[in-house]
Amino acid sequence: MTAARYRCTACGNLTRFDVTESSTTRSYHHYSVAGELLVEDVEVLASEIADVRCRWCGTGSNVIAVGPDNSNASDDSTPLDDAGPENGTGSPADSPPAE
């Protein structure tokens, strides 16, 4: 399974996104004699992206999925729904470069 690439059309961000995802997995749990758990062979049975937000500007309504070469042609881009208010979780280290 390949993860989608995203681009924020509001600020141009291509690298920092908060992605909310739900998934169903099957895995092999191996417990040692001491009771320590080692999880192996994780298989993703189903996965759904619920929300994607830009870490720089906090918007979800302007984030689009782009192709592997970061193209943003209208026929290759899929707009994502905005599921709520801006979260404002960006930090100064995640800020876009000054122009």
Protein backbone atom coordinates (compact mmCIF):
# COMPACT_ATOMS: atom_id res chain seq x y z
CA MET A 1 0.00 0.00 0.00
CA THR A 2 1.46 3.38 -1.02
CA ALA A 3 0.79 6.48 1.06
CA ALA A 4 -0.72 9.43 -0.78
CA ARG A 5 1.22 12.67 -1.30
CA TYR A 6 -0.54 15.91 -0.41
CA ARG A 7 -0.23 19.58 -1.30
CA CYS A 8 -1.82 22.60 0.35
CA THR A 9 -3.08 25.00 -2.31
CA ALA A 10 -3.34 27.80 0.30
CA CYS A 11 0.35 27.95 1.29
CA GLY A 12 2.15 25.51 -1.05
CA ASN A 13 3.18 23.04 1.68
CA LEU A 14 4.28 19.63 0.34
CA THR A 15 5.90 18.14 3.45
CA ARG A 16 3.94 18.62 6.72
CA PHE A 17 0.40 17.31 7.24
CA ASP A 18 -1.68 16.00 10.13
CA VAL A 19 -3.39 12.84 8.82
CA THR A 20 -6.22 11.18 10.75
CA GLU A 21 -6.51 7.55 9.66
CA SER A 22 -8.54 4.56 10.85
CA SER A 23 -7.31 1.09 10.04
CA THR A 24 -8.12 -2.54 10.76
CA THR A 25 -5.12 -4.83 11.09
CA ARG A 26 -4.30 -8.46 11.78
CA SER A 27 -1.02 -9.20 13.54
CA TYR A 28 0.90 -11.97 15.22
CA HIS A 29 1.44 -11.31 18.95
CA HIS A 30 4.43 -13.15 20.38
CA TYR A 31 4.83 -13.05 24.17
CA SER A 32 8.13 -14.02 25.76
CA VAL A 33 8.25 -16.23 28.85
CA ALA A 34 8.77 -12.99 30.83
CA GLY A 35 5.53 -11.60 29.38
CA GLU A 36 7.04 -9.02 27.00
CA LEU A 37 5.05 -8.51 23.80
CA LEU A 38 6.58 -8.49 20.34
CA VAL A 39 4.14 -7.66 17.52
CA GLU A 40 5.08 -9.25 14.17
CA ASP A 41 3.56 -9.71 10.72
CA VAL A 42 1.18 -6.76 10.76
CA GLU A 43 -1.28 -6.96 7.85
CA VAL A 44 -3.52 -3.97 7.03
CA LEU A 45 -6.98 -5.31 6.18
CA ALA A 46 -8.72 -1.94 5.70
CA SER A 47 -7.66 1.68 5.93
CA GLU A 48 -9.55 4.97 5.62
CA ILE A 49 -8.22 8.54 5.70
CA ALA A 50 -10.69 10.62 7.71
CA ASP A 51 -8.97 14.02 7.59
CA VAL A 52 -5.82 15.71 6.26
CA ARG A 53 -4.77 19.16 7.53
CA CYS A 54 -1.86 21.36 6.55
CA ARG A 55 0.58 21.68 9.45
CA TRP A 56 1.73 25.14 8.26
CA CYS A 57 -1.58 26.97 7.88
CA GLY A 58 -4.02 24.57 9.59
CA THR A 59 -6.49 24.28 6.73
CA GLY A 60 -8.07 21.05 5.56
CA SER A 61 -10.22 22.49 2.80
CA ASN A 62 -7.23 23.45 0.62
CA VAL A 63 -5.32 20.16 0.86
CA ILE A 64 -5.31 18.03 -2.29
CA ALA A 65 -3.87 14.61 -3.07
CA VAL A 66 -1.21 14.80 -5.78
CA GLY A 67 0.50 12.24 -7.98
CA PRO A 68 3.86 10.67 -7.10
CA ASP A 69 5.72 13.34 -9.11
CA ASN A 70 3.93 16.10 -7.10
CA SER A 71 1.96 17.14 -10.18
CA ASN A 72 -1.15 19.15 -9.49
CA ALA A 73 -3.00 18.83 -12.77
CA SER A 74 -6.71 19.13 -12.16
CA ASP A 75 -7.40 15.61 -13.45
CA ASP A 76 -4.74 14.07 -11.09
CA SER A 77 -5.67 16.05 -7.95
CA THR A 78 -8.34 15.02 -5.51
CA PRO A 79 -9.61 17.71 -3.10
CA LEU A 80 -10.08 16.51 0.46
CA ASP A 81 -12.99 17.59 2.65
CA ASP A 82 -12.54 20.07 5.50
CA ALA A 83 -13.85 18.26 8.57
CA GLY A 84 -13.60 21.08 11.12
CA PRO A 85 -12.03 24.34 12.28
CA GLU A 86 -8.38 25.16 11.79
CA ASN A 87 -6.26 23.47 14.44
CA GLY A 88 -3.31 25.87 14.62
CA THR A 89 -0.86 23.13 15.63
CA GLY A 90 2.01 24.38 13.50
CA SER A 91 5.22 25.34 15.26
CA PRO A 92 7.79 27.96 14.19
CA ALA A 93 10.03 25.14 12.93
CA ASP A 94 7.23 24.05 10.60
CA SER A 95 6.59 27.55 9.24
CA PRO A 96 6.92 28.15 5.51
CA PRO A 97 10.05 30.03 4.45
CA ALA A 98 9.81 33.82 4.44
CA GLU A 99 9.73 35.47 1.03
